[in-house]
N, C-alpha and C. Protein backbone atom coordinates (compact mmCIF):
# COMPACT_ATOMS: atom_id res chain seq x y z
N MET A 1 27.28 10.54 76.60
CA MET A 1 26.39 11.64 76.30
C MET A 1 26.29 12.57 77.51
N PHE A 2 26.40 13.86 77.26
CA PHE A 2 26.35 14.86 78.33
C PHE A 2 24.95 14.87 78.96
N PRO A 3 24.87 14.79 80.30
CA PRO A 3 23.56 14.74 80.95
C PRO A 3 22.89 16.12 80.97
N VAL A 4 21.64 16.15 80.56
CA VAL A 4 20.83 17.36 80.63
C VAL A 4 19.89 17.19 81.82
N LEU A 5 19.85 18.19 82.68
CA LEU A 5 19.00 18.14 83.87
C LEU A 5 17.96 19.25 83.78
N ASN A 6 16.76 18.96 84.20
CA ASN A 6 15.68 19.94 84.13
C ASN A 6 15.09 20.16 85.51
N THR A 7 14.81 21.43 85.80
CA THR A 7 14.11 21.80 87.02
C THR A 7 12.85 22.56 86.60
N GLN A 8 12.14 23.07 87.56
CA GLN A 8 10.90 23.79 87.24
C GLN A 8 11.17 24.98 86.31
N ARG A 9 12.26 25.73 86.57
CA ARG A 9 12.50 26.95 85.80
C ARG A 9 13.77 26.91 84.95
N LEU A 10 14.55 25.83 85.08
CA LEU A 10 15.87 25.81 84.46
C LEU A 10 16.13 24.55 83.66
N ARG A 11 17.03 24.69 82.72
CA ARG A 11 17.59 23.55 81.99
C ARG A 11 19.10 23.64 82.18
N LEU A 12 19.68 22.59 82.75
CA LEU A 12 21.12 22.51 82.94
C LEU A 12 21.66 21.66 81.80
N ARG A 13 22.49 22.25 80.96
CA ARG A 13 22.90 21.59 79.73
C ARG A 13 24.36 21.88 79.43
N GLU A 14 24.85 21.15 78.44
CA GLU A 14 26.24 21.30 78.02
C GLU A 14 26.47 22.73 77.53
N ILE A 15 27.65 23.24 77.84
CA ILE A 15 28.05 24.57 77.38
C ILE A 15 28.78 24.39 76.06
N HIS A 16 28.44 25.21 75.07
CA HIS A 16 29.08 25.10 73.76
C HIS A 16 29.63 26.46 73.34
N GLU A 17 30.39 26.46 72.25
CA GLU A 17 31.07 27.68 71.83
C GLU A 17 30.10 28.83 71.57
N GLY A 18 28.89 28.52 71.17
CA GLY A 18 27.88 29.56 70.96
C GLY A 18 27.49 30.29 72.24
N ASP A 19 27.91 29.77 73.39
CA ASP A 19 27.64 30.41 74.68
C ASP A 19 28.74 31.39 75.08
N ALA A 20 29.77 31.50 74.27
CA ALA A 20 30.94 32.31 74.65
C ALA A 20 30.56 33.77 74.94
N GLU A 21 29.69 34.34 74.16
CA GLU A 21 29.28 35.74 74.39
C GLU A 21 28.60 35.89 75.75
N ALA A 22 27.69 34.98 76.06
CA ALA A 22 27.00 35.03 77.35
C ALA A 22 27.98 34.81 78.50
N LEU A 23 28.87 33.83 78.35
CA LEU A 23 29.89 33.60 79.38
C LEU A 23 30.73 34.84 79.59
N PHE A 24 31.14 35.44 78.49
CA PHE A 24 31.95 36.65 78.59
C PHE A 24 31.18 37.75 79.33
N ARG A 25 29.89 37.87 79.05
CA ARG A 25 29.08 38.91 79.69
C ARG A 25 29.18 38.84 81.21
N PHE A 26 29.02 37.63 81.79
CA PHE A 26 29.08 37.60 83.24
C PHE A 26 30.46 37.33 83.81
N LEU A 27 31.35 36.64 83.09
CA LEU A 27 32.69 36.38 83.62
C LEU A 27 33.66 37.54 83.38
N SER A 28 33.20 38.59 82.71
CA SER A 28 34.00 39.81 82.60
C SER A 28 33.54 40.84 83.63
N ASN A 29 32.52 40.49 84.38
CA ASN A 29 31.94 41.37 85.38
C ASN A 29 32.65 41.15 86.72
N ASP A 30 33.31 42.19 87.22
CA ASP A 30 34.06 42.06 88.47
C ASP A 30 33.18 41.68 89.66
N GLU A 31 31.89 42.03 89.61
CA GLU A 31 30.99 41.62 90.68
C GLU A 31 30.86 40.10 90.75
N VAL A 32 30.90 39.45 89.58
CA VAL A 32 30.77 37.99 89.51
C VAL A 32 32.08 37.32 89.88
N THR A 33 33.18 37.82 89.37
CA THR A 33 34.46 37.12 89.52
C THR A 33 35.22 37.47 90.80
N ARG A 34 34.75 38.43 91.57
CA ARG A 34 35.53 38.83 92.75
C ARG A 34 35.73 37.69 93.74
N PHE A 35 34.84 36.70 93.73
CA PHE A 35 34.99 35.53 94.60
C PHE A 35 35.13 34.25 93.79
N TYR A 36 35.55 34.37 92.56
CA TYR A 36 35.57 33.23 91.64
C TYR A 36 36.90 32.48 91.64
N GLY A 37 37.95 33.15 92.09
CA GLY A 37 39.27 32.53 92.04
C GLY A 37 39.88 32.61 90.65
N GLN A 38 39.38 33.52 89.87
CA GLN A 38 39.87 33.72 88.51
C GLN A 38 39.65 35.19 88.17
N ASP A 39 40.62 35.79 87.49
CA ASP A 39 40.47 37.18 87.09
C ASP A 39 39.34 37.31 86.07
N SER A 40 38.76 38.49 86.00
CA SER A 40 37.69 38.75 85.03
C SER A 40 38.21 38.57 83.61
N LEU A 41 37.36 38.07 82.75
CA LEU A 41 37.74 37.87 81.35
C LEU A 41 37.91 39.21 80.66
N LEU A 42 38.84 39.24 79.71
CA LEU A 42 39.13 40.47 78.98
C LEU A 42 38.56 40.47 77.57
N ASN A 43 38.25 39.27 77.04
CA ASN A 43 37.73 39.19 75.67
C ASN A 43 36.97 37.88 75.48
N VAL A 44 36.24 37.80 74.39
CA VAL A 44 35.40 36.63 74.11
C VAL A 44 36.26 35.39 73.87
N GLN A 45 37.46 35.55 73.35
CA GLN A 45 38.33 34.39 73.12
C GLN A 45 38.62 33.67 74.43
N GLU A 46 38.79 34.41 75.51
CA GLU A 46 39.01 33.77 76.81
C GLU A 46 37.78 32.95 77.21
N ALA A 47 36.60 33.43 76.89
CA ALA A 47 35.38 32.66 77.17
C ALA A 47 35.36 31.39 76.32
N LYS A 48 35.77 31.48 75.06
CA LYS A 48 35.84 30.29 74.21
C LYS A 48 36.84 29.29 74.77
N ASP A 49 37.94 29.78 75.32
CA ASP A 49 38.94 28.90 75.93
C ASP A 49 38.35 28.17 77.15
N ILE A 50 37.52 28.86 77.91
CA ILE A 50 36.86 28.23 79.06
C ILE A 50 35.89 27.14 78.59
N VAL A 51 35.14 27.43 77.54
CA VAL A 51 34.23 26.42 76.98
C VAL A 51 35.02 25.18 76.58
N ALA A 52 36.15 25.37 75.91
CA ALA A 52 36.99 24.25 75.49
C ALA A 52 37.54 23.49 76.70
N ALA A 53 37.92 24.22 77.74
CA ALA A 53 38.44 23.57 78.95
C ALA A 53 37.36 22.74 79.64
N PHE A 54 36.13 23.27 79.69
CA PHE A 54 35.02 22.50 80.28
C PHE A 54 34.79 21.22 79.48
N ALA A 55 34.80 21.33 78.16
CA ALA A 55 34.57 20.15 77.30
C ALA A 55 35.67 19.12 77.49
N LYS A 56 36.91 19.58 77.53
CA LYS A 56 38.05 18.67 77.72
C LYS A 56 37.98 17.98 79.09
N GLY A 57 37.67 18.75 80.12
CA GLY A 57 37.55 18.18 81.46
C GLY A 57 36.48 17.11 81.54
N TYR A 58 35.37 17.34 80.83
CA TYR A 58 34.29 16.36 80.82
C TYR A 58 34.74 15.09 80.10
N LEU A 59 35.37 15.24 78.95
CA LEU A 59 35.85 14.07 78.19
C LEU A 59 36.88 13.27 78.97
N GLU A 60 37.68 13.95 79.78
CA GLU A 60 38.71 13.28 80.58
C GLU A 60 38.18 12.83 81.94
N ASN A 61 36.87 12.98 82.18
CA ASN A 61 36.22 12.54 83.42
C ASN A 61 36.82 13.23 84.66
N ARG A 62 37.18 14.50 84.50
CA ARG A 62 37.73 15.28 85.62
C ARG A 62 36.74 16.29 86.16
N CYS A 63 35.76 16.67 85.34
CA CYS A 63 34.79 17.67 85.76
C CYS A 63 33.55 17.58 84.89
N ILE A 64 32.52 18.25 85.35
CA ILE A 64 31.31 18.41 84.54
C ILE A 64 30.74 19.78 84.89
N ARG A 65 30.58 20.60 83.88
CA ARG A 65 30.06 21.97 84.09
C ARG A 65 28.87 22.18 83.18
N TRP A 66 27.73 22.48 83.81
CA TRP A 66 26.50 22.72 83.08
C TRP A 66 26.31 24.22 82.86
N GLY A 67 25.72 24.57 81.74
CA GLY A 67 25.20 25.91 81.56
C GLY A 67 23.84 25.97 82.21
N ILE A 68 23.56 27.07 82.90
CA ILE A 68 22.26 27.27 83.53
C ILE A 68 21.43 28.13 82.58
N GLU A 69 20.39 27.51 82.02
CA GLU A 69 19.56 28.19 81.03
C GLU A 69 18.14 28.32 81.57
N ARG A 70 17.58 29.50 81.46
CA ARG A 70 16.19 29.71 81.88
C ARG A 70 15.25 29.07 80.86
N ASN A 71 14.26 28.35 81.35
CA ASN A 71 13.27 27.73 80.46
C ASN A 71 12.42 28.75 79.72
N ASP A 72 12.10 29.84 80.40
CA ASP A 72 11.18 30.81 79.80
C ASP A 72 11.82 31.68 78.72
N THR A 73 13.14 31.89 78.79
CA THR A 73 13.81 32.79 77.84
C THR A 73 14.89 32.09 77.01
N ASN A 74 15.26 30.86 77.40
CA ASN A 74 16.39 30.13 76.79
C ASN A 74 17.70 30.89 76.92
N GLU A 75 17.78 31.78 77.90
CA GLU A 75 18.97 32.59 78.12
C GLU A 75 19.93 31.86 79.07
N LEU A 76 21.22 31.84 78.72
CA LEU A 76 22.25 31.30 79.61
C LEU A 76 22.52 32.35 80.68
N ILE A 77 22.28 31.99 81.94
CA ILE A 77 22.42 32.96 83.03
C ILE A 77 23.55 32.61 84.00
N GLY A 78 24.24 31.50 83.75
CA GLY A 78 25.33 31.13 84.63
C GLY A 78 25.82 29.73 84.31
N THR A 79 26.71 29.24 85.16
CA THR A 79 27.17 27.86 85.05
C THR A 79 27.24 27.26 86.45
N ILE A 80 27.23 25.96 86.49
CA ILE A 80 27.33 25.23 87.75
C ILE A 80 27.92 23.87 87.46
N GLY A 81 28.69 23.33 88.38
CA GLY A 81 29.20 22.00 88.13
C GLY A 81 30.17 21.49 89.16
N PHE A 82 30.74 20.35 88.80
CA PHE A 82 31.70 19.66 89.64
C PHE A 82 33.09 19.77 89.03
N HIS A 83 34.07 20.02 89.88
CA HIS A 83 35.47 19.98 89.45
C HIS A 83 36.24 19.19 90.51
N ALA A 84 37.49 18.90 90.22
CA ALA A 84 38.28 18.05 91.12
C ALA A 84 37.53 16.73 91.38
N TYR A 85 36.89 16.22 90.34
CA TYR A 85 36.09 15.00 90.44
C TYR A 85 37.01 13.79 90.56
N SER A 86 36.77 12.97 91.56
CA SER A 86 37.55 11.76 91.79
C SER A 86 36.60 10.57 91.95
N PRO A 87 36.31 9.86 90.84
CA PRO A 87 35.40 8.71 90.96
C PRO A 87 35.93 7.66 91.94
N GLN A 88 37.25 7.47 91.97
CA GLN A 88 37.85 6.46 92.85
C GLN A 88 37.51 6.75 94.32
N TYR A 89 37.56 8.02 94.69
CA TYR A 89 37.30 8.39 96.08
C TYR A 89 35.88 8.92 96.30
N ARG A 90 35.08 8.88 95.23
CA ARG A 90 33.67 9.27 95.29
C ARG A 90 33.47 10.67 95.86
N ARG A 91 34.29 11.61 95.36
CA ARG A 91 34.17 12.98 95.84
C ARG A 91 34.40 13.97 94.70
N THR A 92 33.95 15.17 94.94
CA THR A 92 34.12 16.26 93.99
C THR A 92 33.98 17.57 94.73
N GLU A 93 34.24 18.67 94.04
CA GLU A 93 33.96 20.00 94.57
C GLU A 93 32.98 20.67 93.63
N ILE A 94 32.22 21.57 94.18
CA ILE A 94 31.17 22.25 93.42
C ILE A 94 31.55 23.71 93.20
N GLY A 95 31.12 24.25 92.09
CA GLY A 95 31.32 25.67 91.81
C GLY A 95 30.18 26.19 90.96
N TYR A 96 29.93 27.48 91.02
CA TYR A 96 28.81 28.07 90.29
C TYR A 96 28.98 29.58 90.22
N GLU A 97 28.31 30.17 89.27
CA GLU A 97 28.17 31.62 89.21
C GLU A 97 26.92 31.94 88.40
N ILE A 98 26.33 33.07 88.74
CA ILE A 98 25.10 33.53 88.11
C ILE A 98 25.30 34.98 87.68
N ASP A 99 24.77 35.32 86.52
CA ASP A 99 24.77 36.70 86.05
C ASP A 99 24.04 37.56 87.09
N PRO A 100 24.61 38.71 87.50
CA PRO A 100 23.97 39.54 88.53
C PRO A 100 22.53 39.95 88.22
N ALA A 101 22.16 40.04 86.95
CA ALA A 101 20.77 40.38 86.60
C ALA A 101 19.80 39.32 87.10
N HIS A 102 20.32 38.14 87.50
CA HIS A 102 19.46 37.03 87.93
C HIS A 102 19.74 36.63 89.38
N TRP A 103 20.47 37.46 90.12
CA TRP A 103 20.72 37.19 91.53
C TRP A 103 19.44 37.34 92.33
N ARG A 104 19.40 36.65 93.45
CA ARG A 104 18.33 36.72 94.44
C ARG A 104 16.96 36.31 93.88
N MET A 105 16.97 35.42 92.91
CA MET A 105 15.72 34.91 92.35
C MET A 105 15.59 33.40 92.59
N GLY A 106 16.55 32.81 93.31
CA GLY A 106 16.49 31.39 93.62
C GLY A 106 17.03 30.47 92.55
N PHE A 107 17.62 31.02 91.48
CA PHE A 107 18.12 30.17 90.40
C PHE A 107 19.32 29.33 90.84
N ALA A 108 20.25 29.92 91.59
CA ALA A 108 21.42 29.16 92.05
C ALA A 108 20.98 28.03 92.96
N SER A 109 20.04 28.30 93.84
CA SER A 109 19.53 27.28 94.76
C SER A 109 18.87 26.14 94.00
N GLU A 110 18.08 26.47 93.00
CA GLU A 110 17.38 25.47 92.20
C GLU A 110 18.37 24.58 91.44
N ALA A 111 19.38 25.20 90.86
CA ALA A 111 20.39 24.44 90.11
C ALA A 111 21.24 23.60 91.06
N LEU A 112 21.61 24.17 92.19
CA LEU A 112 22.43 23.45 93.17
C LEU A 112 21.72 22.19 93.66
N LYS A 113 20.46 22.32 93.99
CA LYS A 113 19.68 21.17 94.46
C LYS A 113 19.70 20.05 93.42
N GLU A 114 19.56 20.41 92.16
CA GLU A 114 19.49 19.41 91.09
C GLU A 114 20.82 18.69 90.91
N ILE A 115 21.93 19.43 90.93
CA ILE A 115 23.20 18.73 90.68
C ILE A 115 23.69 17.96 91.91
N ILE A 116 23.29 18.39 93.10
CA ILE A 116 23.59 17.59 94.29
C ILE A 116 22.92 16.23 94.16
N ALA A 117 21.66 16.22 93.79
CA ALA A 117 20.94 14.96 93.60
C ALA A 117 21.61 14.13 92.51
N TYR A 118 22.01 14.76 91.42
CA TYR A 118 22.68 14.05 90.34
C TYR A 118 24.00 13.44 90.83
N GLY A 119 24.75 14.21 91.58
CA GLY A 119 26.04 13.71 92.09
C GLY A 119 25.88 12.49 92.98
N PHE A 120 24.95 12.53 93.90
CA PHE A 120 24.75 11.41 94.82
C PHE A 120 24.07 10.22 94.14
N ASN A 121 23.09 10.50 93.29
CA ASN A 121 22.31 9.41 92.70
C ASN A 121 22.92 8.82 91.43
N ASN A 122 23.57 9.63 90.61
CA ASN A 122 24.07 9.15 89.32
C ASN A 122 25.57 8.94 89.30
N LEU A 123 26.31 9.70 90.08
CA LEU A 123 27.77 9.56 90.10
C LEU A 123 28.25 8.77 91.31
N ALA A 124 27.33 8.36 92.17
CA ALA A 124 27.65 7.58 93.37
C ALA A 124 28.65 8.30 94.28
N LEU A 125 28.54 9.62 94.36
CA LEU A 125 29.42 10.39 95.23
C LEU A 125 29.07 10.14 96.69
N THR A 126 30.08 10.24 97.53
CA THR A 126 29.90 10.20 98.97
C THR A 126 30.04 11.60 99.56
N ARG A 127 30.88 12.43 98.90
CA ARG A 127 31.19 13.76 99.43
C ARG A 127 31.21 14.79 98.30
N ILE A 128 30.55 15.92 98.56
CA ILE A 128 30.64 17.08 97.68
C ILE A 128 31.20 18.22 98.52
N GLY A 129 32.32 18.75 98.10
CA GLY A 129 32.96 19.84 98.83
C GLY A 129 32.73 21.17 98.13
N ALA A 130 33.01 22.24 98.84
CA ALA A 130 32.95 23.59 98.28
C ALA A 130 33.99 24.44 98.98
N VAL A 131 34.68 25.27 98.22
CA VAL A 131 35.67 26.20 98.74
C VAL A 131 35.16 27.60 98.43
N VAL A 132 35.01 28.43 99.47
CA VAL A 132 34.35 29.73 99.33
C VAL A 132 35.18 30.82 100.03
N PHE A 133 35.37 31.94 99.34
CA PHE A 133 36.03 33.09 99.97
C PHE A 133 35.31 33.45 101.26
N LEU A 134 36.06 33.82 102.29
CA LEU A 134 35.46 34.19 103.58
C LEU A 134 34.44 35.31 103.41
N GLU A 135 34.70 36.21 102.48
CA GLU A 135 33.84 37.38 102.28
C GLU A 135 32.56 37.07 101.50
N ASN A 136 32.45 35.89 100.94
CA ASN A 136 31.31 35.56 100.08
C ASN A 136 30.15 35.00 100.90
N GLN A 137 29.54 35.88 101.69
CA GLN A 137 28.47 35.47 102.59
C GLN A 137 27.26 34.86 101.87
N PRO A 138 26.83 35.42 100.71
CA PRO A 138 25.68 34.79 100.03
C PRO A 138 25.94 33.33 99.64
N SER A 139 27.15 33.04 99.18
CA SER A 139 27.45 31.66 98.80
C SER A 139 27.50 30.75 100.04
N CYS A 140 28.08 31.26 101.12
CA CYS A 140 28.11 30.47 102.35
C CYS A 140 26.69 30.14 102.81
N GLU A 141 25.80 31.13 102.76
CA GLU A 141 24.41 30.93 103.18
C GLU A 141 23.70 29.93 102.26
N LEU A 142 23.98 30.01 100.96
CA LEU A 142 23.36 29.07 100.01
C LEU A 142 23.79 27.64 100.33
N LEU A 143 25.07 27.44 100.58
CA LEU A 143 25.55 26.09 100.87
C LEU A 143 24.94 25.54 102.16
N VAL A 144 24.91 26.36 103.20
CA VAL A 144 24.33 25.93 104.47
C VAL A 144 22.85 25.58 104.29
N LYS A 145 22.14 26.38 103.50
CA LYS A 145 20.72 26.12 103.21
C LYS A 145 20.53 24.72 102.61
N HIS A 146 21.53 24.26 101.86
CA HIS A 146 21.44 22.95 101.21
C HIS A 146 22.13 21.84 102.00
N GLY A 147 22.44 22.10 103.25
CA GLY A 147 22.95 21.06 104.14
C GLY A 147 24.45 20.95 104.25
N PHE A 148 25.20 21.82 103.58
CA PHE A 148 26.65 21.78 103.69
C PHE A 148 27.08 22.23 105.08
N ILE A 149 28.16 21.62 105.55
CA ILE A 149 28.74 21.94 106.86
C ILE A 149 30.09 22.61 106.63
N GLN A 150 30.30 23.72 107.33
CA GLN A 150 31.60 24.39 107.26
C GLN A 150 32.60 23.58 108.09
N GLU A 151 33.70 23.16 107.44
CA GLU A 151 34.69 22.31 108.12
C GLU A 151 35.89 23.08 108.64
N GLY A 152 36.19 24.21 108.05
CA GLY A 152 37.35 24.96 108.50
C GLY A 152 37.74 26.04 107.51
N ILE A 153 38.94 26.56 107.71
CA ILE A 153 39.47 27.63 106.87
C ILE A 153 40.77 27.15 106.23
N LEU A 154 40.88 27.38 104.93
CA LEU A 154 42.12 27.11 104.20
C LEU A 154 42.82 28.45 104.03
N ARG A 155 43.98 28.60 104.64
CA ARG A 155 44.68 29.88 104.63
C ARG A 155 45.43 30.09 103.32
N SER A 156 45.31 31.31 102.78
CA SER A 156 45.98 31.70 101.52
C SER A 156 45.76 30.64 100.43
N TYR A 157 44.54 30.20 100.27
CA TYR A 157 44.23 29.06 99.41
C TYR A 157 43.98 29.43 97.95
N ILE A 158 43.36 30.58 97.71
CA ILE A 158 43.04 30.99 96.34
C ILE A 158 43.62 32.37 96.08
N TYR A 159 44.23 32.50 94.92
CA TYR A 159 44.74 33.80 94.49
C TYR A 159 43.74 34.46 93.57
N GLN A 160 43.48 35.73 93.81
CA GLN A 160 42.62 36.54 92.95
C GLN A 160 43.40 37.82 92.67
N TYR A 161 43.65 38.08 91.40
CA TYR A 161 44.44 39.24 90.98
C TYR A 161 45.79 39.29 91.72
N GLY A 162 46.38 38.12 91.88
CA GLY A 162 47.70 38.03 92.49
C GLY A 162 47.73 38.14 94.00
N ILE A 163 46.59 38.20 94.65
CA ILE A 163 46.51 38.34 96.10
C ILE A 163 45.94 37.05 96.70
N PRO A 164 46.63 36.48 97.71
CA PRO A 164 46.11 35.25 98.32
C PRO A 164 44.92 35.54 99.23
N HIS A 165 43.95 34.64 99.21
CA HIS A 165 42.75 34.78 100.04
C HIS A 165 42.52 33.50 100.83
N ASP A 166 42.07 33.69 102.06
CA ASP A 166 41.63 32.56 102.87
C ASP A 166 40.24 32.15 102.38
N THR A 167 39.94 30.85 102.53
CA THR A 167 38.63 30.35 102.12
C THR A 167 38.07 29.42 103.20
N TYR A 168 36.77 29.35 103.23
CA TYR A 168 36.12 28.31 104.01
C TYR A 168 36.09 27.05 103.16
N VAL A 169 36.12 25.90 103.82
CA VAL A 169 35.86 24.65 103.14
C VAL A 169 34.58 24.07 103.75
N PHE A 170 33.66 23.72 102.85
CA PHE A 170 32.38 23.13 103.22
C PHE A 170 32.30 21.72 102.66
N SER A 171 31.44 20.90 103.23
CA SER A 171 31.17 19.58 102.63
C SER A 171 29.74 19.18 102.91
N LEU A 172 29.26 18.35 101.99
CA LEU A 172 27.97 17.70 102.13
C LEU A 172 28.22 16.22 101.89
N LEU A 173 27.81 15.39 102.84
CA LEU A 173 27.99 13.96 102.71
C LEU A 173 26.66 13.31 102.36
N LYS A 174 26.75 12.24 101.57
CA LYS A 174 25.53 11.50 101.23
C LYS A 174 24.96 10.92 102.52
N SER A 175 23.65 11.11 102.71
CA SER A 175 23.05 10.61 103.95
C SER A 175 22.82 9.13 103.88
């Protein structure tokens, strides 16, 4: 059963095909995807394909991606989750995005705190990593706020619109 997580203002829940329109709204926005490592979506079908990929990854125990839903409006405002999940090595990487209409309101921080706790307490993780474009200062600051340590730079690590980008690699270890 897909884990549902609740915070003061958010419900982190399974993403379903009915979320495709909302996903398309923010994943077609170049402001959101410029540091995402994926080109902006061109149509709703691409969003449906992402929903299917998230579901398949969860069933295959490779990833878990939650939809970030506001409690007060029931609106899907982003996604957050683990990818490159390796139960054998007790590690994963984290990724997230928020619709720009909800930036700078603490939603990403609230969701991040909850899934970090879930990863360490429920998945028995030892390490949570994050790969972030050098230019994505807000994401770097968010990770540091939650205890992540910058370990180094991965050169030409992610392609965006066919152009290679250097990224920082961060990690948080279970205390």
